[in-house]
Amino acid sequence: MARILIAEDERDIRDLVEFTLKYAGHEVFKASNGQEAVELAPQVMPDLILMDVRMPKMTGYEACRALKATDEVSDIPVVFLSAKGQDVEMKAGLEAGAIDYILKPFAPDELARRVSEILQSIGVS
């Protein structure tokens, strides 16, 4: 299965996402803000990064731009997790370099299904 990095500042959500993805068979790494995600990504080289938009120290948008500007990890797909589903927010995320958006709140089975679809679309099973 895939190696997935989660960047989420809310511990309950981070733990739910971790549990859901581990249950689906994935190896999961966690960061509590965007800055940690940028530092951790080159160390763990995940297949996919799931990132909250609104986080302290560095927003998801800023972290995504930083990752895309780093040769070593620039090809790792980023998917935003956000409660904000407005077109403007989604457009900003895609412009920052994300490939998709998953809206919160989500049911664990819905998250697992969406992540599976995204992994298949990028050629990771």
PDB file of N, CA and C in Angstrom:
ATOM      1  N   MET A   1       0.823  -1.189   0.000  1.00  0.00           N
ATOM      2  CA  MET A   1       0.000   0.000   0.000  1.00  0.00           C
ATOM      3  C   MET A   1       0.870   1.257   0.000  1.00  0.00           C
ATOM      4  N   ALA A   2       0.231   2.398   0.104  1.00  0.00           N
ATOM      5  CA  ALA A   2       0.925   3.677  -0.062  1.00  0.00           C
ATOM      6  C   ALA A   2       1.480   4.227   1.246  1.00  0.00           C
ATOM      7  N   ARG A   3       2.470   5.097   1.085  1.00  0.00           N
ATOM      8  CA  ARG A   3       3.018   5.882   2.193  1.00  0.00           C
ATOM      9  C   ARG A   3       2.340   7.250   2.115  1.00  0.00           C
ATOM     10  N   ILE A   4       1.651   7.638   3.181  1.00  0.00           N
ATOM     11  CA  ILE A   4       0.873   8.872   3.161  1.00  0.00           C
ATOM     12  C   ILE A   4       1.281   9.765   4.333  1.00  0.00           C
ATOM     13  N   LEU A   5       1.544  11.021   4.023  1.00  0.00           N
ATOM     14  CA  LEU A   5       1.850  12.026   5.033  1.00  0.00           C
ATOM     15  C   LEU A   5       0.600  12.870   5.256  1.00  0.00           C
ATOM     16  N   ILE A   6       0.197  12.979   6.524  1.00  0.00           N
ATOM     17  CA  ILE A   6      -0.955  13.790   6.902  1.00  0.00           C
ATOM     18  C   ILE A   6      -0.432  15.048   7.591  1.00  0.00           C
ATOM     19  N   ALA A   7      -0.876  16.211   7.149  1.00  0.00           N
ATOM     20  CA  ALA A   7      -0.570  17.470   7.830  1.00  0.00           C
ATOM     21  C   ALA A   7      -1.900  18.066   8.283  1.00  0.00           C
ATOM     22  N   GLU A   8      -2.144  17.999   9.571  1.00  0.00           N
ATOM     23  CA  GLU A   8      -3.422  18.454  10.147  1.00  0.00           C
ATOM     24  C   GLU A   8      -3.157  18.928  11.563  1.00  0.00           C
ATOM     25  N   ASP A   9      -3.568  20.165  11.893  1.00  0.00           N
ATOM     26  CA  ASP A   9      -3.284  20.701  13.218  1.00  0.00           C
ATOM     27  C   ASP A   9      -4.268  20.244  14.289  1.00  0.00           C
ATOM     28  N   GLU A  10      -5.453  19.821  13.912  1.00  0.00           N
ATOM     29  CA  GLU A  10      -6.428  19.349  14.897  1.00  0.00           C
ATOM     30  C   GLU A  10      -6.181  17.864  15.185  1.00  0.00           C
ATOM     31  N   ARG A  11      -5.768  17.579  16.421  1.00  0.00           N
ATOM     32  CA  ARG A  11      -5.344  16.221  16.775  1.00  0.00           C
ATOM     33  C   ARG A  11      -6.426  15.176  16.537  1.00  0.00           C
ATOM     34  N   ASP A  12      -7.658  15.466  16.880  1.00  0.00           N
ATOM     35  CA  ASP A  12      -8.741  14.488  16.696  1.00  0.00           C
ATOM     36  C   ASP A  12      -8.897  14.113  15.228  1.00  0.00           C
ATOM     37  N   ILE A  13      -8.843  15.102  14.359  1.00  0.00           N
ATOM     38  CA  ILE A  13      -8.977  14.827  12.920  1.00  0.00           C
ATOM     39  C   ILE A  13      -7.752  14.073  12.420  1.00  0.00           C
ATOM     40  N   ARG A  14      -6.574  14.508  12.861  1.00  0.00           N
ATOM     41  CA  ARG A  14      -5.325  13.834  12.452  1.00  0.00           C
ATOM     42  C   ARG A  14      -5.359  12.365  12.862  1.00  0.00           C
ATOM     43  N   ASP A  15      -5.801  12.104  14.090  1.00  0.00           N
ATOM     44  CA  ASP A  15      -5.871  10.722  14.572  1.00  0.00           C
ATOM     45  C   ASP A  15      -6.910   9.899  13.811  1.00  0.00           C
ATOM     46  N   LEU A  16      -8.058  10.516  13.482  1.00  0.00           N
ATOM     47  CA  LEU A  16      -9.093   9.825  12.707  1.00  0.00           C
ATOM     48  C   LEU A  16      -8.579   9.470  11.313  1.00  0.00           C
ATOM     49  N   VAL A  17      -7.919  10.418  10.673  1.00  0.00           N
ATOM     50  CA  VAL A  17      -7.375  10.173   9.332  1.00  0.00           C
ATOM     51  C   VAL A  17      -6.304   9.084   9.401  1.00  0.00           C
ATOM     52  N   GLU A  18      -5.433   9.172  10.409  1.00  0.00           N
ATOM     53  CA  GLU A  18      -4.394   8.149  10.569  1.00  0.00           C
ATOM     54  C   GLU A  18      -5.016   6.763  10.749  1.00  0.00           C
ATOM     55  N   PHE A  19      -5.964   6.640  11.669  1.00  0.00           N
ATOM     56  CA  PHE A  19      -6.608   5.357  11.930  1.00  0.00           C
ATOM     57  C   PHE A  19      -7.272   4.811  10.665  1.00  0.00           C
ATOM     58  N   THR A  20      -8.002   5.674   9.967  1.00  0.00           N
ATOM     59  CA  THR A  20      -8.716   5.270   8.756  1.00  0.00           C
ATOM     60  C   THR A  20      -7.753   4.756   7.696  1.00  0.00           C
ATOM     61  N   LEU A  21      -6.665   5.471   7.480  1.00  0.00           N
ATOM     62  CA  LEU A  21      -5.718   5.090   6.429  1.00  0.00           C
ATOM     63  C   LEU A  21      -4.892   3.864   6.825  1.00  0.00           C
ATOM     64  N   LYS A  22      -4.542   3.748   8.106  1.00  0.00           N
ATOM     65  CA  LYS A  22      -3.830   2.545   8.552  1.00  0.00           C
ATOM     66  C   LYS A  22      -4.729   1.322   8.423  1.00  0.00           C
ATOM     67  N   TYR A  23      -5.982   1.481   8.771  1.00  0.00           N
ATOM     68  CA  TYR A  23      -6.953   0.386   8.651  1.00  0.00           C
ATOM     69  C   TYR A  23      -7.080  -0.048   7.191  1.00  0.00           C
ATOM     70  N   ALA A  24      -6.936   0.908   6.266  1.00  0.00           N
ATOM     71  CA  ALA A  24      -7.006   0.601   4.832  1.00  0.00           C
ATOM     72  C   ALA A  24      -5.684   0.024   4.313  1.00  0.00           C
ATOM     73  N   GLY A  25      -4.683  -0.110   5.208  1.00  0.00           N
ATOM     74  CA  GLY A  25      -3.443  -0.761   4.826  1.00  0.00           C
ATOM     75  C   GLY A  25      -2.290   0.154   4.477  1.00  0.00           C
ATOM     76  N   HIS A  26      -2.445   1.449   4.666  1.00  0.00           N
ATOM     77  CA  HIS A  26      -1.398   2.398   4.292  1.00  0.00           C
ATOM     78  C   HIS A  26      -0.437   2.650   5.450  1.00  0.00           C
ATOM     79  N   GLU A  27       0.773   3.053   5.101  1.00  0.00           N
ATOM     80  CA  GLU A  27       1.744   3.505   6.092  1.00  0.00           C
ATOM     81  C   GLU A  27       1.549   5.013   6.243  1.00  0.00           C
ATOM     82  N   VAL A  28       1.390   5.480   7.473  1.00  0.00           N
ATOM     83  CA  VAL A  28       1.008   6.871   7.707  1.00  0.00           C
ATOM     84  C   VAL A  28       2.056   7.601   8.540  1.00  0.00           C
ATOM     85  N   PHE A  29       2.345   8.831   8.120  1.00  0.00           N
ATOM     86  CA  PHE A  29       3.238   9.734   8.839  1.00  0.00           C
ATOM     87  C   PHE A  29       2.433  10.989   9.153  1.00  0.00           C
ATOM     88  N   LYS A  30       2.723  11.621  10.305  1.00  0.00           N
ATOM     89  CA  LYS A  30       1.899  12.744  10.729  1.00  0.00           C
ATOM     90  C   LYS A  30       2.725  13.999  10.989  1.00  0.00           C
ATOM     91  N   ALA A  31       2.142  15.138  10.612  1.00  0.00           N
ATOM     92  CA  ALA A  31       2.694  16.449  10.924  1.00  0.00           C
ATOM     93  C   ALA A  31       1.547  17.290  11.486  1.00  0.00           C
ATOM     94  N   SER A  32       1.867  18.144  12.450  1.00  0.00           N
ATOM     95  CA  SER A  32       0.811  18.939  13.074  1.00  0.00           C
ATOM     96  C   SER A  32       0.679  20.340  12.490  1.00  0.00           C
ATOM     97  N   ASN A  33       1.523  20.668  11.515  1.00  0.00           N
ATOM     98  CA  ASN A  33       1.390  21.950  10.815  1.00  0.00           C
ATOM     99  C   ASN A  33       2.135  21.875   9.483  1.00  0.00           C
ATOM    100  N   GLY A  34       1.983  22.914   8.680  1.00  0.00           N
ATOM    101  CA  GLY A  34       2.591  22.923   7.353  1.00  0.00           C
ATOM    102  C   GLY A  34       4.103  22.879   7.380  1.00  0.00           C
ATOM    103  N   GLN A  35       4.697  23.583   8.327  1.00  0.00           N
ATOM    104  CA  GLN A  35       6.155  23.605   8.423  1.00  0.00           C
ATOM    105  C   GLN A  35       6.705  22.210   8.706  1.00  0.00           C
ATOM    106  N   GLU A  36       6.062  21.492   9.621  1.00  0.00           N
ATOM    107  CA  GLU A  36       6.490  20.113   9.913  1.00  0.00           C
ATOM    108  C   GLU A  36       6.364  19.239   8.666  1.00  0.00           C
ATOM    109  N   ALA A  37       5.303  19.433   7.900  1.00  0.00           N
ATOM    110  CA  ALA A  37       5.099  18.635   6.688  1.00  0.00           C
ATOM    111  C   ALA A  37       6.217  18.879   5.677  1.00  0.00           C
ATOM    112  N   VAL A  38       6.591  20.136   5.520  1.00  0.00           N
ATOM    113  CA  VAL A  38       7.668  20.480   4.574  1.00  0.00           C
ATOM    114  C   VAL A  38       8.980  19.849   5.020  1.00  0.00           C
ATOM    115  N   GLU A  39       9.234  19.818   6.331  1.00  0.00           N
ATOM    116  CA  GLU A  39      10.465  19.228   6.852  1.00  0.00           C
ATOM    117  C   GLU A  39      10.437  17.700   6.802  1.00  0.00           C
ATOM    118  N   LEU A  40       9.262  17.109   7.026  1.00  0.00           N
ATOM    119  CA  LEU A  40       9.143  15.653   7.101  1.00  0.00           C
ATOM    120  C   LEU A  40       9.093  14.981   5.718  1.00  0.00           C
ATOM    121  N   ALA A  41       8.505  15.633   4.749  1.00  0.00           N
ATOM    122  CA  ALA A  41       8.314  15.024   3.425  1.00  0.00           C
ATOM    123  C   ALA A  41       9.604  14.464   2.815  1.00  0.00           C
ATOM    124  N   PRO A  42      10.715  15.216   2.788  1.00  0.00           N
ATOM    125  CA  PRO A  42      11.937  14.645   2.201  1.00  0.00           C
ATOM    126  C   PRO A  42      12.501  13.470   3.006  1.00  0.00           C
ATOM    127  N   GLN A  43      12.176  13.403   4.294  1.00  0.00           N
ATOM    128  CA  GLN A  43      12.679  12.312   5.126  1.00  0.00           C
ATOM    129  C   GLN A  43      11.921  11.013   4.880  1.00  0.00           C
ATOM    130  N   VAL A  44      10.602  11.108   4.671  1.00  0.00           N
ATOM    131  CA  VAL A  44       9.793   9.893   4.540  1.00  0.00           C
ATOM    132  C   VAL A  44       9.389   9.586   3.096  1.00  0.00           C
ATOM    133  N   MET A  45       9.531  10.560   2.208  1.00  0.00           N
ATOM    134  CA  MET A  45       9.206  10.409   0.779  1.00  0.00           C
ATOM    135  C   MET A  45       7.856   9.693   0.576  1.00  0.00           C
ATOM    136  N   PRO A  46       6.775  10.334   1.005  1.00  0.00           N
ATOM    137  CA  PRO A  46       5.455   9.702   0.865  1.00  0.00           C
ATOM    138  C   PRO A  46       5.006   9.639  -0.594  1.00  0.00           C
ATOM    139  N   ASP A  47       4.029   8.767  -0.852  1.00  0.00           N
ATOM    140  CA  ASP A  47       3.417   8.693  -2.179  1.00  0.00           C
ATOM    141  C   ASP A  47       2.366   9.786  -2.350  1.00  0.00           C
ATOM    142  N   LEU A  48       1.827  10.251  -1.213  1.00  0.00           N
ATOM    143  CA  LEU A  48       0.736  11.227  -1.221  1.00  0.00           C
ATOM    144  C   LEU A  48       0.797  12.038   0.063  1.00  0.00           C
ATOM    145  N   ILE A  49       0.445  13.329  -0.040  1.00  0.00           N
ATOM    146  CA  ILE A  49       0.355  14.192   1.134  1.00  0.00           C
ATOM    147  C   ILE A  49      -1.074  14.711   1.236  1.00  0.00           C
ATOM    148  N   LEU A  50      -1.699  14.480   2.390  1.00  0.00           N
ATOM    149  CA  LEU A  50      -3.015  15.036   2.696  1.00  0.00           C
ATOM    150  C   LEU A  50      -2.789  16.196   3.642  1.00  0.00           C
ATOM    151  N   MET A  51      -3.249  17.388   3.252  1.00  0.00           N
ATOM    152  CA  MET A  51      -2.895  18.580   4.009  1.00  0.00           C
ATOM    153  C   MET A  51      -4.101  19.467   4.277  1.00  0.00           C
ATOM    154  N   ASP A  52      -4.255  19.828   5.544  1.00  0.00           N
ATOM    155  CA  ASP A  52      -5.262  20.805   5.924  1.00  0.00           C
ATOM    156  C   ASP A  52      -4.868  22.160   5.340  1.00  0.00           C
ATOM    157  N   VAL A  53      -5.849  22.999   5.086  1.00  0.00           N
ATOM    158  CA  VAL A  53      -5.564  24.321   4.531  1.00  0.00           C
ATOM    159  C   VAL A  53      -5.152  25.288   5.630  1.00  0.00           C
ATOM    160  N   ARG A  54      -5.923  25.349   6.698  1.00  0.00           N
ATOM    161  CA  ARG A  54      -5.689  26.337   7.755  1.00  0.00           C
ATOM    162  C   ARG A  54      -4.943  25.687   8.924  1.00  0.00           C
ATOM    163  N   MET A  55      -3.645  26.039   9.010  1.00  0.00           N
ATOM    164  CA  MET A  55      -2.798  25.515  10.084  1.00  0.00           C
ATOM    165  C   MET A  55      -1.888  26.623  10.589  1.00  0.00           C
ATOM    166  N   PRO A  56      -1.405  26.485  11.829  1.00  0.00           N
ATOM    167  CA  PRO A  56      -0.454  27.477  12.357  1.00  0.00           C
ATOM    168  C   PRO A  56       0.933  27.298  11.730  1.00  0.00           C
ATOM    169  N   LYS A  57       1.752  28.303  11.903  1.00  0.00           N
ATOM    170  CA  LYS A  57       3.149  28.367  11.442  1.00  0.00           C
ATOM    171  C   LYS A  57       3.249  28.499   9.926  1.00  0.00           C
ATOM    172  N   MET A  58       2.542  27.665   9.196  1.00  0.00           N
ATOM    173  CA  MET A  58       2.566  27.708   7.733  1.00  0.00           C
ATOM    174  C   MET A  58       1.254  27.107   7.249  1.00  0.00           C
ATOM    175  N   THR A  59       0.510  27.872   6.458  1.00  0.00           N
ATOM    176  CA  THR A  59      -0.763  27.344   5.961  1.00  0.00           C
ATOM    177  C   THR A  59      -0.522  26.196   4.999  1.00  0.00           C
ATOM    178  N   GLY A  60      -1.570  25.469   4.684  1.00  0.00           N
ATOM    179  CA  GLY A  60      -1.458  24.408   3.703  1.00  0.00           C
ATOM    180  C   GLY A  60      -1.024  24.924   2.344  1.00  0.00           C
ATOM    181  N   TYR A  61      -1.552  26.093   1.963  1.00  0.00           N
ATOM    182  CA  TYR A  61      -1.168  26.685   0.682  1.00  0.00           C
ATOM    183  C   TYR A  61       0.331  26.995   0.665  1.00  0.00           C
ATOM    184  N   GLU A  62       0.833  27.615   1.746  1.00  0.00           N
ATOM    185  CA  GLU A  62       2.254  27.953   1.822  1.00  0.00           C
ATOM    186  C   GLU A  62       3.110  26.691   1.812  1.00  0.00           C
ATOM    187  N   ALA A  63       2.677  25.682   2.562  1.00  0.00           N
ATOM    188  CA  ALA A  63       3.428  24.426   2.611  1.00  0.00           C
ATOM    189  C   ALA A  63       3.434  23.743   1.249  1.00  0.00           C
ATOM    190  N   CYS A  64       2.311  23.749   0.572  1.00  0.00           N
ATOM    191  CA  CYS A  64       2.235  23.130  -0.752  1.00  0.00           C
ATOM    192  C   CYS A  64       3.179  23.838  -1.726  1.00  0.00           C
ATOM    193  N   ARG A  65       3.168  25.167  -1.705  1.00  0.00           N
ATOM    194  CA  ARG A  65       4.078  25.917  -2.582  1.00  0.00           C
ATOM    195  C   ARG A  65       5.537  25.591  -2.260  1.00  0.00           C
ATOM    196  N   ALA A  66       5.863  25.493  -0.963  1.00  0.00           N
ATOM    197  CA  ALA A  66       7.236  25.171  -0.551  1.00  0.00           C
ATOM    198  C   ALA A  66       7.635  23.773  -1.029  1.00  0.00           C
ATOM    199  N   LEU A  67       6.721  22.814  -0.911  1.00  0.00           N
ATOM    200  CA  LEU A  67       7.002  21.455  -1.375  1.00  0.00           C
ATOM    201  C   LEU A  67       7.207  21.428  -2.886  1.00  0.00           C
ATOM    202  N   LYS A  68       6.366  22.140  -3.613  1.00  0.00           N
ATOM    203  CA  LYS A  68       6.469  22.154  -5.077  1.00  0.00           C
ATOM    204  C   LYS A  68       7.730  22.866  -5.558  1.00  0.00           C
ATOM    205  N   ALA A  69       8.310  23.711  -4.700  1.00  0.00           N
ATOM    206  CA  ALA A  69       9.541  24.427  -5.050  1.00  0.00           C
ATOM    207  C   ALA A  69      10.796  23.655  -4.640  1.00  0.00           C
ATOM    208  N   THR A  70      10.611  22.493  -4.036  1.00  0.00           N
ATOM    209  CA  THR A  70      11.741  21.662  -3.583  1.00  0.00           C
ATOM    210  C   THR A  70      11.864  20.463  -4.518  1.00  0.00           C
ATOM    211  N   ASP A  71      12.934  20.443  -5.317  1.00  0.00           N
ATOM    212  CA  ASP A  71      13.094  19.408  -6.345  1.00  0.00           C
ATOM    213  C   ASP A  71      12.865  17.996  -5.833  1.00  0.00           C
ATOM    214  N   GLU A  72      13.410  17.699  -4.665  1.00  0.00           N
ATOM    215  CA  GLU A  72      13.368  16.355  -4.111  1.00  0.00           C
ATOM    216  C   GLU A  72      11.941  15.829  -3.914  1.00  0.00           C
ATOM    217  N   VAL A  73      11.015  16.720  -3.590  1.00  0.00           N
ATOM    218  CA  VAL A  73       9.644  16.304  -3.268  1.00  0.00           C
ATOM    219  C   VAL A  73       8.579  16.966  -4.159  1.00  0.00           C
ATOM    220  N   SER A  74       9.003  17.689  -5.169  1.00  0.00           N
ATOM    221  CA  SER A  74       8.060  18.463  -5.980  1.00  0.00           C
ATOM    222  C   SER A  74       7.048  17.600  -6.728  1.00  0.00           C
ATOM    223  N   ASP A  75       7.368  16.347  -6.975  1.00  0.00           N
ATOM    224  CA  ASP A  75       6.458  15.464  -7.715  1.00  0.00           C
ATOM    225  C   ASP A  75       5.445  14.742  -6.824  1.00  0.00           C
ATOM    226  N   ILE A  76       5.574  14.881  -5.505  1.00  0.00           N
ATOM    227  CA  ILE A  76       4.642  14.198  -4.603  1.00  0.00           C
ATOM    228  C   ILE A  76       3.292  14.917  -4.665  1.00  0.00           C
ATOM    229  N   PRO A  77       2.227  14.191  -4.995  1.00  0.00           N
ATOM    230  CA  PRO A  77       0.910  14.824  -5.080  1.00  0.00           C
ATOM    231  C   PRO A  77       0.404  15.275  -3.710  1.00  0.00           C
ATOM    232  N   VAL A  78      -0.221  16.452  -3.700  1.00  0.00           N
ATOM    233  CA  VAL A  78      -0.807  17.016  -2.489  1.00  0.00           C
ATOM    234  C   VAL A  78      -2.316  17.111  -2.686  1.00  0.00           C
ATOM    235  N   VAL A  79      -3.065  16.677  -1.675  1.00  0.00           N
ATOM    236  CA  VAL A  79      -4.522  16.796  -1.660  1.00  0.00           C
ATOM    237  C   VAL A  79      -4.889  17.578  -0.409  1.00  0.00           C
ATOM    238  N   PHE A  80      -5.683  18.629  -0.587  1.00  0.00           N
ATOM    239  CA  PHE A  80      -6.099  19.427   0.562  1.00  0.00           C
ATOM    240  C   PHE A  80      -7.320  18.842   1.242  1.00  0.00           C
ATOM    241  N   LEU A  81      -7.303  18.893   2.573  1.00  0.00           N
ATOM    242  CA  LEU A  81      -8.462  18.571   3.400  1.00  0.00           C
ATOM    243  C   LEU A  81      -8.969  19.905   3.917  1.00  0.00           C
ATOM    244  N   SER A  82     -10.222  20.235   3.645  1.00  0.00           N
ATOM    245  CA  SER A  82     -10.699  21.545   4.075  1.00  0.00           C
ATOM    246  C   SER A  82     -12.189  21.557   4.302  1.00  0.00           C
ATOM    247  N   ALA A  83     -12.596  22.332   5.293  1.00  0.00           N
ATOM    248  CA  ALA A  83     -14.021  22.556   5.535  1.00  0.00           C
ATOM    249  C   ALA A  83     -14.539  23.648   4.607  1.00  0.00           C
ATOM    250  N   LYS A  84     -13.634  24.344   3.964  1.00  0.00           N
ATOM    251  CA  LYS A  84     -13.998  25.430   3.061  1.00  0.00           C
ATOM    252  C   LYS A  84     -14.133  24.879   1.645  1.00  0.00           C
ATOM    253  N   GLY A  85     -15.368  24.833   1.153  1.00  0.00           N
ATOM    254  CA  GLY A  85     -15.585  24.256  -0.164  1.00  0.00           C
ATOM    255  C   GLY A  85     -15.897  25.267  -1.243  1.00  0.00           C
ATOM    256  N   GLN A  86     -15.677  26.561  -0.951  1.00  0.00           N
ATOM    257  CA  GLN A  86     -15.961  27.576  -1.952  1.00  0.00           C
ATOM    258  C   GLN A  86     -15.007  27.459  -3.138  1.00  0.00           C
ATOM    259  N   ASP A  87     -15.513  27.838  -4.290  1.00  0.00           N
ATOM    260  CA  ASP A  87     -14.707  27.765  -5.505  1.00  0.00           C
ATOM    261  C   ASP A  87     -13.394  28.532  -5.375  1.00  0.00           C
ATOM    262  N   VAL A  88     -13.435  29.693  -4.709  1.00  0.00           N
ATOM    263  CA  VAL A  88     -12.225  30.507  -4.562  1.00  0.00           C
ATOM    264  C   VAL A  88     -11.163  29.740  -3.778  1.00  0.00           C
ATOM    265  N   GLU A  89     -11.572  29.096  -2.690  1.00  0.00           N
ATOM    266  CA  GLU A  89     -10.632  28.310  -1.881  1.00  0.00           C
ATOM    267  C   GLU A  89     -10.057  27.148  -2.683  1.00  0.00           C
ATOM    268  N   MET A  90     -10.933  26.450  -3.390  1.00  0.00           N
ATOM    269  CA  MET A  90     -10.477  25.291  -4.157  1.00  0.00           C
ATOM    270  C   MET A  90      -9.527  25.728  -5.266  1.00  0.00           C
ATOM    271  N   LYS A  91      -9.835  26.827  -5.916  1.00  0.00           N
ATOM    272  CA  LYS A  91      -8.972  27.344  -6.974  1.00  0.00           C
ATOM    273  C   LYS A  91      -7.603  27.715  -6.412  1.00  0.00           C
ATOM    274  N   ALA A  92      -7.589  28.356  -5.242  1.00  0.00           N
ATOM    275  CA  ALA A  92      -6.322  28.735  -4.614  1.00  0.00           C
ATOM    276  C   ALA A  92      -5.485  27.496  -4.300  1.00  0.00           C
ATOM    277  N   GLY A  93      -6.133  26.428  -3.840  1.00  0.00           N
ATOM    278  CA  GLY A  93      -5.419  25.193  -3.544  1.00  0.00           C
ATOM    279  C   GLY A  93      -4.817  24.559  -4.784  1.00  0.00           C
ATOM    280  N   LEU A  94      -5.579  24.534  -5.852  1.00  0.00           N
ATOM    281  CA  LEU A  94      -5.082  23.959  -7.106  1.00  0.00           C
ATOM    282  C   LEU A  94      -3.949  24.808  -7.677  1.00  0.00           C
ATOM    283  N   GLU A  95      -4.081  26.136  -7.540  1.00  0.00           N
ATOM    284  CA  GLU A  95      -3.020  27.031  -8.014  1.00  0.00           C
ATOM    285  C   GLU A  95      -1.742  26.866  -7.191  1.00  0.00           C
ATOM    286  N   ALA A  96      -1.883  26.483  -5.918  1.00  0.00           N
ATOM    287  CA  ALA A  96      -0.712  26.256  -5.061  1.00  0.00           C
ATOM    288  C   ALA A  96      -0.002  24.952  -5.426  1.00  0.00           C
ATOM    289  N   GLY A  97      -0.677  24.087  -6.194  1.00  0.00           N
ATOM    290  CA  GLY A  97      -0.040  22.850  -6.644  1.00  0.00           C
ATOM    291  C   GLY A  97      -0.745  21.566  -6.253  1.00  0.00           C
ATOM    292  N   ALA A  98      -1.876  21.679  -5.554  1.00  0.00           N
ATOM    293  CA  ALA A  98      -2.609  20.469  -5.165  1.00  0.00           C
ATOM    294  C   ALA A  98      -3.282  19.829  -6.365  1.00  0.00           C
ATOM    295  N   ILE A  99      -3.539  18.520  -6.265  1.00  0.00           N
ATOM    296  CA  ILE A  99      -4.212  17.821  -7.359  1.00  0.00           C
ATOM    297  C   ILE A  99      -5.690  17.610  -7.082  1.00  0.00           C
ATOM    298  N   ASP A 100      -6.109  17.778  -5.812  1.00  0.00           N
ATOM    299  CA  ASP A 100      -7.507  17.524  -5.476  1.00  0.00           C
ATOM    300  C   ASP A 100      -7.823  18.106  -4.111  1.00  0.00           C
ATOM    301  N   TYR A 101      -9.101  18.056  -3.778  1.00  0.00           N
ATOM    302  CA  TYR A 101      -9.631  18.547  -2.508  1.00  0.00           C
ATOM    303  C   TYR A 101     -10.539  17.482  -1.919  1.00  0.00           C
ATOM    304  N   ILE A 102     -10.452  17.255  -0.621  1.00  0.00           N
ATOM    305  CA  ILE A 102     -11.413  16.422   0.091  1.00  0.00           C
ATOM    306  C   ILE A 102     -12.043  17.325   1.140  1.00  0.00           C
ATOM    307  N   LEU A 103     -13.356  17.456   1.085  1.00  0.00           N
ATOM    308  CA  LEU A 103     -14.047  18.369   1.989  1.00  0.00           C
ATOM    309  C   LEU A 103     -14.365  17.708   3.328  1.00  0.00           C
ATOM    310  N   LYS A 104     -14.149  18.467   4.401  1.00  0.00           N
ATOM    311  CA  LYS A 104     -14.526  18.038   5.749  1.00  0.00           C
ATOM    312  C   LYS A 104     -15.912  18.599   6.039  1.00  0.00           C
ATOM    313  N   PRO A 105     -16.703  17.941   6.815  1.00  0.00           N
ATOM    314  CA  PRO A 105     -16.428  16.648   7.436  1.00  0.00           C
ATOM    315  C   PRO A 105     -16.602  15.510   6.431  1.00  0.00           C
ATOM    316  N   PHE A 106     -15.951  14.407   6.694  1.00  0.00           N
ATOM    317  CA  PHE A 106     -16.072  13.233   5.833  1.00  0.00           C
ATOM    318  C   PHE A 106     -16.222  12.002   6.719  1.00  0.00           C
ATOM    319  N   ALA A 107     -16.893  11.002   6.195  1.00  0.00           N
ATOM    320  CA  ALA A 107     -16.993   9.715   6.891  1.00  0.00           C
ATOM    321  C   ALA A 107     -15.710   8.940   6.606  1.00  0.00           C
ATOM    322  N   PRO A 108     -15.237   8.141   7.562  1.00  0.00           N
ATOM    323  CA  PRO A 108     -14.001   7.386   7.338  1.00  0.00           C
ATOM    324  C   PRO A 108     -14.026   6.534   6.061  1.00  0.00           C
ATOM    325  N   ASP A 109     -15.156   5.884   5.779  1.00  0.00           N
ATOM    326  CA  ASP A 109     -15.194   5.058   4.565  1.00  0.00           C
ATOM    327  C   ASP A 109     -15.118   5.917   3.308  1.00  0.00           C
ATOM    328  N   GLU A 110     -15.683   7.114   3.360  1.00  0.00           N
ATOM    329  CA  GLU A 110     -15.597   8.034   2.223  1.00  0.00           C
ATOM    330  C   GLU A 110     -14.153   8.486   2.023  1.00  0.00           C
ATOM    331  N   LEU A 111     -13.450   8.795   3.123  1.00  0.00           N
ATOM    332  CA  LEU A 111     -12.048   9.195   3.031  1.00  0.00           C
ATOM    333  C   LEU A 111     -11.213   8.074   2.426  1.00  0.00           C
ATOM    334  N   ALA A 112     -11.391   6.858   2.916  1.00  0.00           N
ATOM    335  CA  ALA A 112     -10.629   5.718   2.399  1.00  0.00           C
ATOM    336  C   ALA A 112     -10.898   5.509   0.910  1.00  0.00           C
ATOM    337  N   ARG A 113     -12.150   5.652   0.501  1.00  0.00           N
ATOM    338  CA  ARG A 113     -12.510   5.486  -0.912  1.00  0.00           C
ATOM    339  C   ARG A 113     -11.865   6.573  -1.774  1.00  0.00           C
ATOM    340  N   ARG A 114     -11.958   7.835  -1.324  1.00  0.00           N
ATOM    341  CA  ARG A 114     -11.379   8.933  -2.097  1.00  0.00           C
ATOM    342  C   ARG A 114      -9.861   8.802  -2.218  1.00  0.00           C
ATOM    343  N   VAL A 115      -9.210   8.445  -1.113  1.00  0.00           N
ATOM    344  CA  VAL A 115      -7.755   8.274  -1.147  1.00  0.00           C
ATOM    345  C   VAL A 115      -7.383   7.139  -2.099  1.00  0.00           C
ATOM    346  N   SER A 116      -8.136   6.051  -2.070  1.00  0.00           N
ATOM    347  CA  SER A 116      -7.892   4.932  -2.984  1.00  0.00           C
ATOM    348  C   SER A 116      -8.033   5.375  -4.445  1.00  0.00           C
ATOM    349  N   GLU A 117      -9.074   6.134  -4.735  1.00  0.00           N
ATOM    350  CA  GLU A 117      -9.273   6.647  -6.102  1.00  0.00           C
ATOM    351  C   GLU A 117      -8.130   7.545  -6.532  1.00  0.00           C
ATOM    352  N   ILE A 118      -7.696   8.436  -5.631  1.00  0.00           N
ATOM    353  CA  ILE A 118      -6.604   9.355  -5.948  1.00  0.00           C
ATOM    354  C   ILE A 118      -5.312   8.578  -6.178  1.00  0.00           C
ATOM    355  N   LEU A 119      -5.031   7.600  -5.323  1.00  0.00           N
ATOM    356  CA  LEU A 119      -3.831   6.784  -5.501  1.00  0.00           C
ATOM    357  C   LEU A 119      -3.849   6.043  -6.826  1.00  0.00           C
ATOM    358  N   GLN A 120      -5.004   5.490  -7.185  1.00  0.00           N
ATOM    359  CA  GLN A 120      -5.111   4.807  -8.478  1.00  0.00           C
ATOM    360  C   GLN A 120      -4.862   5.777  -9.620  1.00  0.00           C
ATOM    361  N   SER A 121      -5.379   7.007  -9.502  1.00  0.00           N
ATOM    362  CA  SER A 121      -5.222   7.990 -10.580  1.00  0.00           C
ATOM    363  C   SER A 121      -3.773   8.419 -10.770  1.00  0.00           C
ATOM    364  N   ILE A 122      -2.948   8.290  -9.707  1.00  0.00           N
ATOM    365  CA  ILE A 122      -1.532   8.666  -9.815  1.00  0.00           C
ATOM    366  C   ILE A 122      -0.627   7.454  -9.994  1.00  0.00           C
ATOM    367  N   GLY A 123      -1.237   6.285 -10.102  1.00  0.00           N
ATOM    368  CA  GLY A 123      -0.476   5.074 -10.381  1.00  0.00           C
ATOM    369  C   GLY A 123       0.122   4.393  -9.161  1.00  0.00           C
ATOM    370  N   VAL A 124      -0.445   4.650  -7.984  1.00  0.00           N
ATOM    371  CA  VAL A 124       0.018   3.999  -6.755  1.00  0.00           C
ATOM    372  C   VAL A 124      -1.146   3.154  -6.234  1.00  0.00           C
ATOM    373  N   SER A 125      -0.841   1.891  -5.851  1.00  0.00           N
ATOM    374  CA  SER A 125      -1.957   1.057  -5.372  1.00  0.00           C
ATOM    375  C   SER A 125      -1.871   0.795  -3.905  1.00  0.00           C
TER     376      SER A 125
END
